[in-house]
């Protein structure tokens, strides 16, 4: 089973590391090409392209400038410990044991606009480059055209290495769009998390993102390898709703806290 999650815009390069082990990203040649394109942008252009403040644009222009392909623990950090957003609040990778990191390294992948696909222990230099950004490049008008089949091929390699054919899609639509489902050698299972609000169940972005992290943690902690085992997920009040689910979609609901 291969779990896919999105990256986060918020990064943490200060907290103490809970493992010293690391690997290197497998698609750095591609990353270097994107950095070459991104360095052509002025801070005002970055601000417009990414819809961010002038201050954040300046920070990210500096990140593009400082990025260099020789990754070491001195200038980079393991991706799973560098990302800090709602998904990663649920994942809580900073509390993983070494065995948890081992399982995650085999079964978890983070999709990334700059790095394509990241394994948990892959070193990552700080960046902001969301997959949906229309950054023109030598391969096309945006990052989806840049990555083409590369991300899908890398996921197929990971599936082949573990002799499996199931992908658990816990990534956002923006990021999963970088994967070509018809070329993926896998059955795709998508967990959906619905929270009750005023008597109706619906996707509430903040809660759904955290739940994706909680589900990833549930799979990793319990060493799950079969999709039917996911129905036992009950973290923070969620429960499986079989009636609302289908073959490719597992629906989990949570009642409103009263």
Protein backbone atom coordinates (compact mmCIF):
# COMPACT_ATOMS: atom_id res chain seq x y z
CA UNK A 1 0.00 0.00 0.00
CA UNK A 2 1.30 3.42 -0.95
CA UNK A 3 -0.08 6.50 0.84
CA UNK A 4 -0.04 9.85 -0.97
CA UNK A 5 -0.24 13.17 0.89
CA UNK A 6 0.26 16.82 -0.04
CA UNK A 7 3.12 18.97 1.23
CA UNK A 8 2.59 22.05 3.43
CA UNK A 9 3.33 25.73 2.95
CA UNK A 10 4.40 26.11 6.58
CA UNK A 11 7.92 24.79 7.22
CA UNK A 12 9.90 24.03 10.38
CA UNK A 13 13.69 24.04 10.25
CA UNK A 14 14.23 24.78 13.96
CA UNK A 15 12.73 21.97 16.05
CA UNK A 16 15.05 19.20 17.29
CA UNK A 17 15.23 16.27 14.88
CA UNK A 18 13.82 12.96 16.09
CA UNK A 19 15.94 10.89 13.69
CA UNK A 20 19.37 11.48 12.18
CA UNK A 21 18.79 9.12 9.25
CA UNK A 22 18.18 10.61 5.84
CA UNK A 23 17.95 9.86 2.14
CA UNK A 24 18.22 12.13 -0.89
CA UNK A 25 15.33 13.09 -3.20
CA UNK A 26 15.29 11.00 -6.36
CA UNK A 27 14.25 13.72 -8.81
CA UNK A 28 16.74 16.49 -8.01
CA UNK A 29 17.76 16.96 -11.65
CA UNK A 30 14.19 18.02 -12.35
CA UNK A 31 14.12 20.23 -9.25
CA UNK A 32 17.24 22.00 -10.46
CA UNK A 33 15.52 22.82 -13.76
CA UNK A 34 12.58 24.36 -11.91
CA UNK A 35 14.90 26.38 -9.67
CA UNK A 36 16.55 27.74 -12.83
CA UNK A 37 13.13 28.94 -14.02
CA UNK A 38 12.10 30.29 -10.61
CA UNK A 39 15.29 32.34 -10.26
CA UNK A 40 14.20 34.41 -13.26
CA UNK A 41 11.25 35.76 -11.25
CA UNK A 42 11.47 39.06 -9.37
CA UNK A 43 9.88 39.29 -5.89
CA UNK A 44 6.89 41.26 -7.32
CA UNK A 45 6.40 38.54 -9.96
CA UNK A 46 6.56 35.86 -7.25
CA UNK A 47 4.01 37.82 -5.21
CA UNK A 48 1.59 37.92 -8.15
CA UNK A 49 2.19 34.32 -9.26
CA UNK A 50 1.78 32.81 -5.79
CA UNK A 51 -0.73 35.37 -4.48
CA UNK A 52 1.42 36.06 -1.42
CA UNK A 53 2.60 39.18 0.42
CA UNK A 54 5.67 41.18 -0.60
CA UNK A 55 7.45 39.92 2.52
CA UNK A 56 6.79 36.26 1.71
CA UNK A 57 7.75 36.88 -1.92
CA UNK A 58 11.12 38.22 -0.75
CA UNK A 59 11.67 35.20 1.49
CA UNK A 60 10.92 32.79 -1.35
CA UNK A 61 13.05 34.68 -3.88
CA UNK A 62 15.93 34.24 -1.40
CA UNK A 63 15.11 30.53 -1.04
CA UNK A 64 15.27 30.05 -4.81
CA UNK A 65 18.60 31.91 -4.89
CA UNK A 66 20.10 29.94 -1.96
CA UNK A 67 18.95 26.52 -3.20
CA UNK A 68 21.81 24.29 -4.31
CA UNK A 69 21.86 20.61 -5.28
CA UNK A 70 24.31 19.35 -2.64
CA UNK A 71 21.89 18.40 0.13
CA UNK A 72 23.35 17.80 3.60
CA UNK A 73 21.87 17.78 7.13
CA UNK A 74 23.47 21.22 7.52
CA UNK A 75 21.40 22.87 4.76
CA UNK A 76 18.34 20.60 4.56
CA UNK A 77 15.98 18.58 6.72
CA UNK A 78 13.96 15.37 6.33
CA UNK A 79 10.76 16.27 4.48
CA UNK A 80 8.41 14.59 6.94
CA UNK A 81 9.89 16.70 9.76
CA UNK A 82 10.14 19.93 7.73
CA UNK A 83 6.49 20.22 6.66
CA UNK A 84 4.19 21.74 9.27
CA UNK A 85 0.56 22.18 8.25
CA UNK A 86 -2.84 20.72 9.11
CA UNK A 87 -2.03 17.32 7.57
CA UNK A 88 1.24 17.15 9.51
CA UNK A 89 -0.48 18.18 12.75
CA UNK A 90 -2.52 15.00 12.38
CA UNK A 91 0.49 12.93 11.31
CA UNK A 92 2.72 13.96 14.26
CA UNK A 93 5.83 12.47 12.67
CA UNK A 94 7.98 14.07 15.37
CA UNK A 95 6.72 11.31 17.71
CA UNK A 96 7.55 8.42 15.33
CA UNK A 97 9.82 5.58 16.44
CA UNK A 98 12.62 4.43 14.14
CA UNK A 99 10.39 1.49 13.14
CA UNK A 100 7.62 3.96 12.26
CA UNK A 101 10.04 5.89 10.06
CA UNK A 102 11.06 2.61 8.37
CA UNK A 103 7.44 1.75 7.53
CA UNK A 104 6.68 5.31 6.43
CA UNK A 105 9.77 5.39 4.20
CA UNK A 106 8.41 2.40 2.30
CA UNK A 107 4.70 3.26 2.28
CA UNK A 108 4.31 7.08 2.41
CA UNK A 109 4.99 9.58 -0.38
CA UNK A 110 4.62 13.37 -0.36
CA UNK A 111 3.80 14.99 -3.69
CA UNK A 112 5.67 18.25 -4.29
CA UNK A 113 5.69 21.02 -6.87
CA UNK A 114 9.48 21.36 -6.66
CA UNK A 115 10.62 17.84 -5.77
CA UNK A 116 7.95 15.80 -7.56
CA UNK A 117 7.83 12.92 -5.08
CA UNK A 118 9.42 12.90 -1.64
CA UNK A 119 9.99 9.97 0.69
CA UNK A 120 9.69 10.83 4.40
CA UNK A 121 13.44 10.79 5.09
CA UNK A 122 14.44 12.63 1.90
CA UNK A 123 16.34 15.80 2.73
CA UNK A 124 14.59 18.94 1.57
CA UNK A 125 15.78 22.51 1.31
CA UNK A 126 13.07 25.09 2.10
CA UNK A 127 10.86 26.21 -0.78
CA UNK A 128 7.39 27.31 -1.74
CA UNK A 129 6.15 26.15 -5.12
CA UNK A 130 2.61 24.85 -5.10
CA UNK A 131 1.67 22.30 -7.75
CA UNK A 132 -1.14 24.45 -9.17
CA UNK A 133 1.11 27.45 -9.89
CA UNK A 134 1.38 28.43 -13.55
CA UNK A 135 5.16 28.61 -13.73
CA UNK A 136 6.15 28.55 -17.40
CA UNK A 137 9.02 26.19 -18.10
CA UNK A 138 10.79 24.38 -20.92
CA UNK A 139 8.19 21.59 -20.86
CA UNK A 140 5.03 23.67 -20.83
CA UNK A 141 2.90 26.33 -19.22
CA UNK A 142 2.64 24.89 -15.69
CA UNK A 143 3.99 22.30 -13.26
CA UNK A 144 1.57 19.61 -14.40
CA UNK A 145 3.11 19.79 -17.88
CA UNK A 146 6.60 19.96 -16.39
CA UNK A 147 6.17 16.76 -14.38
CA UNK A 148 4.18 14.92 -17.07
CA UNK A 149 4.46 11.16 -16.37
CA UNK A 150 7.52 11.49 -14.11
CA UNK A 151 5.62 11.44 -10.80
CA UNK A 152 3.40 8.54 -11.93
CA UNK A 153 6.44 6.54 -13.06
CA UNK A 154 8.16 7.10 -9.71
CA UNK A 155 5.06 5.91 -7.84
CA UNK A 156 4.91 2.82 -10.06
CA UNK A 157 8.53 2.08 -9.13
CA UNK A 158 7.65 2.30 -5.43
CA UNK A 159 4.63 0.01 -5.90
CA UNK A 160 6.73 -2.52 -7.82
CA UNK A 161 9.42 -2.45 -5.11
CA UNK A 162 6.90 -3.46 -2.45
CA UNK A 163 5.03 -5.84 -4.76
CA UNK A 164 1.74 -4.04 -4.25
CA UNK A 165 -0.99 -2.40 -6.32
CA UNK A 166 -2.99 -0.18 -3.94
CA UNK A 167 -2.67 3.60 -3.58
CA UNK A 168 -4.37 5.43 -0.72
CA UNK A 169 -5.04 8.92 -2.02
CA UNK A 170 -4.89 11.33 0.94
CA UNK A 171 -3.57 14.19 -1.21
CA UNK A 172 -5.55 17.27 -2.22
CA UNK A 173 -7.08 17.48 -5.70
CA UNK A 174 -4.44 20.09 -6.65
CA UNK A 175 -1.64 17.62 -5.95
CA UNK A 176 -3.28 14.38 -7.07
CA UNK A 177 -3.83 16.03 -10.46
CA UNK A 178 -0.05 15.55 -10.97
CA UNK A 179 -0.66 11.77 -11.00
CA UNK A 180 -1.97 9.99 -14.10
CA UNK A 181 -4.51 7.45 -12.71
CA UNK A 182 -4.79 5.52 -16.00
CA UNK A 183 -1.02 5.00 -16.05
CA UNK A 184 -0.78 4.14 -12.36
CA UNK A 185 -0.43 0.39 -11.82
CA UNK A 186 -2.76 0.45 -8.85
CA UNK A 187 -6.26 0.47 -7.47
CA UNK A 188 -6.89 3.94 -6.02
CA UNK A 189 -8.72 4.25 -2.70
CA UNK A 190 -9.77 7.72 -1.56
CA UNK A 191 -10.75 8.23 2.09
CA UNK A 192 -13.22 11.12 2.51
CA UNK A 193 -13.78 12.84 5.85
CA UNK A 194 -17.11 14.51 6.60
CA UNK A 195 -17.83 16.60 9.68
CA UNK A 196 -21.30 17.41 10.96
CA UNK A 197 -22.24 21.08 10.86
CA UNK A 198 -25.75 22.22 11.75
CA UNK A 199 -27.07 18.71 11.29
CA UNK A 200 -25.45 18.09 7.89
CA UNK A 201 -22.26 16.21 7.05
CA UNK A 202 -19.82 17.97 4.75
CA UNK A 203 -16.11 18.38 4.06
CA UNK A 204 -14.67 21.11 6.27
CA UNK A 205 -11.21 21.84 4.89
CA UNK A 206 -9.31 22.35 8.17
CA UNK A 207 -10.72 19.16 9.73
CA UNK A 208 -10.38 17.13 6.52
CA UNK A 209 -6.70 18.05 6.16
CA UNK A 210 -5.92 17.04 9.74
CA UNK A 211 -7.89 13.82 9.26
CA UNK A 212 -5.71 12.92 6.27
CA UNK A 213 -2.72 13.13 8.59
CA UNK A 214 -4.50 11.13 11.29
CA UNK A 215 -5.32 8.40 8.76
CA UNK A 216 -1.71 8.32 7.54
CA UNK A 217 -0.54 7.92 11.13
CA UNK A 218 -3.13 5.18 11.75
CA UNK A 219 -1.82 3.21 8.76
CA UNK A 220 1.82 3.68 9.77
CA UNK A 221 1.42 2.95 13.49
CA UNK A 222 -0.63 -0.19 12.85
CA UNK A 223 1.49 -1.35 9.85
CA UNK A 224 -1.61 -1.72 7.70
CA UNK A 225 -1.15 -3.29 4.27
CA UNK A 226 -4.73 -3.94 3.06
CA UNK A 227 -7.32 -1.27 2.20
CA UNK A 228 -10.12 -3.04 4.10
CA UNK A 229 -8.14 -2.46 7.31
CA UNK A 230 -8.67 1.29 6.92
CA UNK A 231 -12.32 0.92 7.96
CA UNK A 232 -11.12 0.51 11.56
CA UNK A 233 -9.98 4.15 11.62
CA UNK A 234 -11.58 5.90 14.62
CA UNK A 235 -9.15 8.66 15.61
CA UNK A 236 -10.62 11.79 17.22
CA UNK A 237 -14.22 10.67 16.87
CA UNK A 238 -14.34 9.61 13.21
CA UNK A 239 -16.19 6.43 12.24
CA UNK A 240 -16.55 4.49 8.99
CA UNK A 241 -19.88 4.89 7.18
CA UNK A 242 -20.28 1.85 4.97
CA UNK A 243 -23.60 3.02 3.45
CA UNK A 244 -22.01 6.21 2.09
CA UNK A 245 -18.88 4.43 0.82
CA UNK A 246 -18.14 2.79 -2.52
CA UNK A 247 -15.35 0.60 -3.86
CA UNK A 248 -13.00 3.50 -4.53
CA UNK A 249 -14.15 5.85 -1.79
CA UNK A 250 -14.17 5.21 1.96
CA UNK A 251 -16.35 7.71 3.83
CA UNK A 252 -15.67 8.59 7.45
CA UNK A 253 -17.94 10.84 9.48
CA UNK A 254 -17.71 12.70 12.77
CA UNK A 255 -20.55 14.15 14.78
CA UNK A 256 -20.48 17.80 15.80
CA UNK A 257 -19.12 18.33 19.30
CA UNK A 258 -21.94 19.62 21.48
